């Protein structure tokens, strides 16, 4: 799968508790052959955002996490 810088997989979860969220993440990550996915849970603030804006913010945060992890 070719990665377009403007297209990236995101799973946005709403209404799940922490345990449920972790189970979903673990289950998805166990699937072979899928690309790296950005996981996120809604917040009171993010529920007010346009989806396009939220996706851009999630991508920016993911890029920062990747940079931090590379420095470790």
N, C-alpha and C. Protein backbone atom coordinates (compact mmCIF):
# COMPACT_ATOMS: atom_id res chain seq x y z
N UNK A 1 0.85 -1.19 0.00
CA UNK A 1 0.00 0.00 0.00
C UNK A 1 0.88 1.24 0.00
N UNK A 2 0.67 2.09 -0.97
CA UNK A 2 1.45 3.32 -1.04
C UNK A 2 0.89 4.34 -0.06
N UNK A 3 1.79 4.95 0.71
CA UNK A 3 1.36 5.90 1.73
C UNK A 3 1.33 7.30 1.14
N UNK A 4 0.15 7.86 1.01
CA UNK A 4 -0.04 9.24 0.58
C UNK A 4 0.05 10.09 1.83
N UNK A 5 0.82 11.18 1.76
CA UNK A 5 1.01 11.98 2.98
C UNK A 5 -0.30 12.58 3.50
N UNK A 6 -1.32 12.62 2.65
CA UNK A 6 -2.61 13.17 3.07
C UNK A 6 -3.63 12.10 3.41
N UNK A 7 -3.24 10.84 3.27
CA UNK A 7 -4.14 9.74 3.56
C UNK A 7 -3.45 8.76 4.49
N UNK A 8 -4.06 8.50 5.61
CA UNK A 8 -3.47 7.60 6.60
C UNK A 8 -4.61 7.00 7.40
N UNK A 9 -4.45 5.75 7.82
CA UNK A 9 -5.51 5.09 8.54
C UNK A 9 -5.65 5.60 9.98
N UNK A 10 -6.88 5.86 10.37
CA UNK A 10 -7.20 6.34 11.71
C UNK A 10 -8.40 5.55 12.23
N UNK A 11 -8.31 5.12 13.48
CA UNK A 11 -9.47 4.55 14.16
C UNK A 11 -9.78 5.49 15.31
N UNK A 12 -10.95 6.10 15.24
CA UNK A 12 -11.40 7.04 16.27
C UNK A 12 -12.48 6.35 17.10
N UNK A 13 -12.25 6.30 18.40
CA UNK A 13 -13.18 5.59 19.29
C UNK A 13 -13.91 6.59 20.18
N UNK A 14 -15.17 6.30 20.40
CA UNK A 14 -16.00 7.14 21.24
C UNK A 14 -16.88 6.24 22.10
N UNK A 15 -16.96 6.56 23.38
CA UNK A 15 -17.87 5.84 24.25
C UNK A 15 -17.33 4.54 24.83
N UNK A 16 -16.02 4.29 24.63
CA UNK A 16 -15.42 3.09 25.20
C UNK A 16 -14.62 3.47 26.44
N UNK A 17 -14.60 2.57 27.41
CA UNK A 17 -13.74 2.84 28.57
C UNK A 17 -12.30 2.45 28.22
N UNK A 18 -11.37 2.70 29.13
CA UNK A 18 -9.96 2.43 28.85
C UNK A 18 -9.70 0.96 28.52
N UNK A 19 -10.30 0.08 29.28
CA UNK A 19 -10.10 -1.36 29.05
C UNK A 19 -10.60 -1.76 27.66
N UNK A 20 -11.76 -1.29 27.28
CA UNK A 20 -12.32 -1.60 25.97
C UNK A 20 -11.45 -1.02 24.85
N UNK A 21 -10.99 0.20 25.05
CA UNK A 21 -10.13 0.85 24.06
C UNK A 21 -8.86 0.04 23.84
N UNK A 22 -8.24 -0.40 24.92
CA UNK A 22 -7.02 -1.20 24.80
C UNK A 22 -7.28 -2.53 24.11
N UNK A 23 -8.42 -3.14 24.36
CA UNK A 23 -8.77 -4.40 23.69
C UNK A 23 -8.94 -4.20 22.19
N UNK A 24 -9.58 -3.12 21.81
CA UNK A 24 -9.75 -2.82 20.38
C UNK A 24 -8.39 -2.61 19.73
N UNK A 25 -7.54 -1.83 20.37
CA UNK A 25 -6.21 -1.57 19.82
C UNK A 25 -5.41 -2.86 19.67
N UNK A 26 -5.44 -3.70 20.69
CA UNK A 26 -4.70 -4.96 20.65
C UNK A 26 -5.23 -5.86 19.54
N UNK A 27 -6.55 -5.93 19.41
CA UNK A 27 -7.15 -6.78 18.37
C UNK A 27 -6.77 -6.30 16.97
N UNK A 28 -6.84 -5.02 16.75
CA UNK A 28 -6.51 -4.47 15.44
C UNK A 28 -5.04 -4.68 15.13
N UNK A 29 -4.18 -4.42 16.11
CA UNK A 29 -2.74 -4.58 15.90
C UNK A 29 -2.35 -6.03 15.61
N UNK A 30 -3.18 -6.98 16.01
CA UNK A 30 -2.87 -8.39 15.79
C UNK A 30 -3.17 -8.84 14.36
N UNK A 31 -3.83 -8.01 13.58
CA UNK A 31 -4.17 -8.36 12.20
C UNK A 31 -2.95 -8.17 11.31
N UNK A 32 -2.56 -9.23 10.65
CA UNK A 32 -1.38 -9.16 9.78
C UNK A 32 -1.72 -8.42 8.50
N UNK A 33 -0.73 -7.68 8.01
CA UNK A 33 -0.85 -7.06 6.70
C UNK A 33 -1.52 -5.69 6.66
N UNK A 34 -1.95 -5.20 7.83
CA UNK A 34 -2.55 -3.86 7.80
C UNK A 34 -1.47 -2.82 8.07
N UNK A 35 -1.65 -1.62 7.56
CA UNK A 35 -0.65 -0.58 7.78
C UNK A 35 -0.69 -0.07 9.22
N UNK A 36 0.28 0.73 9.54
CA UNK A 36 0.31 1.39 10.86
C UNK A 36 -0.93 2.28 10.96
N UNK A 37 -1.58 2.21 12.10
CA UNK A 37 -2.84 2.94 12.29
C UNK A 37 -2.69 3.93 13.43
N UNK A 38 -3.30 5.09 13.27
CA UNK A 38 -3.38 6.07 14.34
C UNK A 38 -4.67 5.77 15.11
N UNK A 39 -4.53 5.51 16.40
CA UNK A 39 -5.68 5.28 17.27
C UNK A 39 -5.94 6.55 18.07
N UNK A 40 -7.20 6.87 18.25
CA UNK A 40 -7.54 8.04 19.05
C UNK A 40 -8.90 7.84 19.70
N UNK A 41 -9.08 8.49 20.81
CA UNK A 41 -10.38 8.53 21.49
C UNK A 41 -10.86 9.97 21.47
N UNK A 42 -12.15 10.13 21.40
CA UNK A 42 -12.70 11.48 21.38
C UNK A 42 -12.53 12.16 22.74
N UNK A 43 -12.49 13.47 22.69
CA UNK A 43 -12.51 14.30 23.88
C UNK A 43 -13.67 15.28 23.72
N UNK A 44 -14.01 15.98 24.78
CA UNK A 44 -15.06 16.99 24.67
C UNK A 44 -14.69 18.01 23.60
N UNK A 45 -13.43 18.38 23.54
CA UNK A 45 -12.98 19.35 22.55
C UNK A 45 -13.05 18.78 21.14
N UNK A 46 -12.52 17.57 20.95
CA UNK A 46 -12.46 17.01 19.59
C UNK A 46 -13.85 16.72 19.02
N UNK A 47 -14.82 16.52 19.88
CA UNK A 47 -16.18 16.28 19.39
C UNK A 47 -16.76 17.50 18.68
N UNK A 48 -16.20 18.65 18.93
CA UNK A 48 -16.68 19.89 18.31
C UNK A 48 -15.96 20.20 17.00
N UNK A 49 -14.89 19.48 16.70
CA UNK A 49 -14.07 19.78 15.52
C UNK A 49 -14.67 19.17 14.26
N UNK A 50 -14.30 19.76 13.13
CA UNK A 50 -14.59 19.14 11.84
C UNK A 50 -13.67 17.93 11.72
N UNK A 51 -14.15 16.90 11.08
CA UNK A 51 -13.36 15.68 10.94
C UNK A 51 -12.02 15.98 10.27
N UNK A 52 -12.02 16.78 9.24
CA UNK A 52 -10.78 17.13 8.53
C UNK A 52 -9.76 17.74 9.48
N UNK A 53 -10.20 18.64 10.33
CA UNK A 53 -9.30 19.29 11.29
C UNK A 53 -8.79 18.30 12.33
N UNK A 54 -9.66 17.42 12.79
CA UNK A 54 -9.26 16.41 13.77
C UNK A 54 -8.22 15.47 13.17
N UNK A 55 -8.43 15.02 11.94
CA UNK A 55 -7.48 14.12 11.29
C UNK A 55 -6.12 14.79 11.12
N UNK A 56 -6.12 16.06 10.77
CA UNK A 56 -4.85 16.79 10.64
C UNK A 56 -4.13 16.87 11.98
N UNK A 57 -4.86 17.13 13.04
CA UNK A 57 -4.26 17.20 14.38
C UNK A 57 -3.71 15.84 14.80
N UNK A 58 -4.47 14.79 14.55
CA UNK A 58 -4.01 13.45 14.91
C UNK A 58 -2.75 13.07 14.14
N UNK A 59 -2.67 13.44 12.87
CA UNK A 59 -1.48 13.16 12.07
C UNK A 59 -0.28 13.93 12.62
N UNK A 60 -0.48 15.20 12.97
CA UNK A 60 0.61 16.01 13.52
C UNK A 60 1.11 15.41 14.84
N UNK A 61 0.19 15.00 15.70
CA UNK A 61 0.58 14.37 16.96
C UNK A 61 1.33 13.07 16.72
N UNK A 62 0.86 12.27 15.77
CA UNK A 62 1.52 11.01 15.45
C UNK A 62 2.93 11.25 14.93
N UNK A 63 3.09 12.26 14.10
CA UNK A 63 4.43 12.60 13.59
C UNK A 63 5.37 12.96 14.73
N UNK A 64 4.88 13.71 15.71
CA UNK A 64 5.70 14.09 16.86
C UNK A 64 6.07 12.87 17.70
N UNK A 65 5.12 11.97 17.92
CA UNK A 65 5.41 10.75 18.68
C UNK A 65 6.46 9.90 17.97
N UNK A 66 6.36 9.82 16.64
CA UNK A 66 7.34 9.05 15.86
C UNK A 66 8.74 9.66 16.03
N UNK A 67 8.82 10.98 15.95
CA UNK A 67 10.11 11.65 16.12
C UNK A 67 10.70 11.38 17.48
N UNK A 68 9.87 11.46 18.52
CA UNK A 68 10.34 11.21 19.89
C UNK A 68 10.83 9.77 20.03
N UNK A 69 10.10 8.84 19.43
CA UNK A 69 10.47 7.43 19.54
C UNK A 69 11.78 7.16 18.82
N UNK A 70 12.02 7.83 17.70
CA UNK A 70 13.25 7.64 16.94
C UNK A 70 14.46 8.12 17.74
N UNK A 71 14.28 9.11 18.61
CA UNK A 71 15.38 9.65 19.41
C UNK A 71 15.76 8.72 20.56
N UNK A 72 14.87 7.81 20.94
CA UNK A 72 15.12 6.91 22.08
C UNK A 72 16.18 5.88 21.75
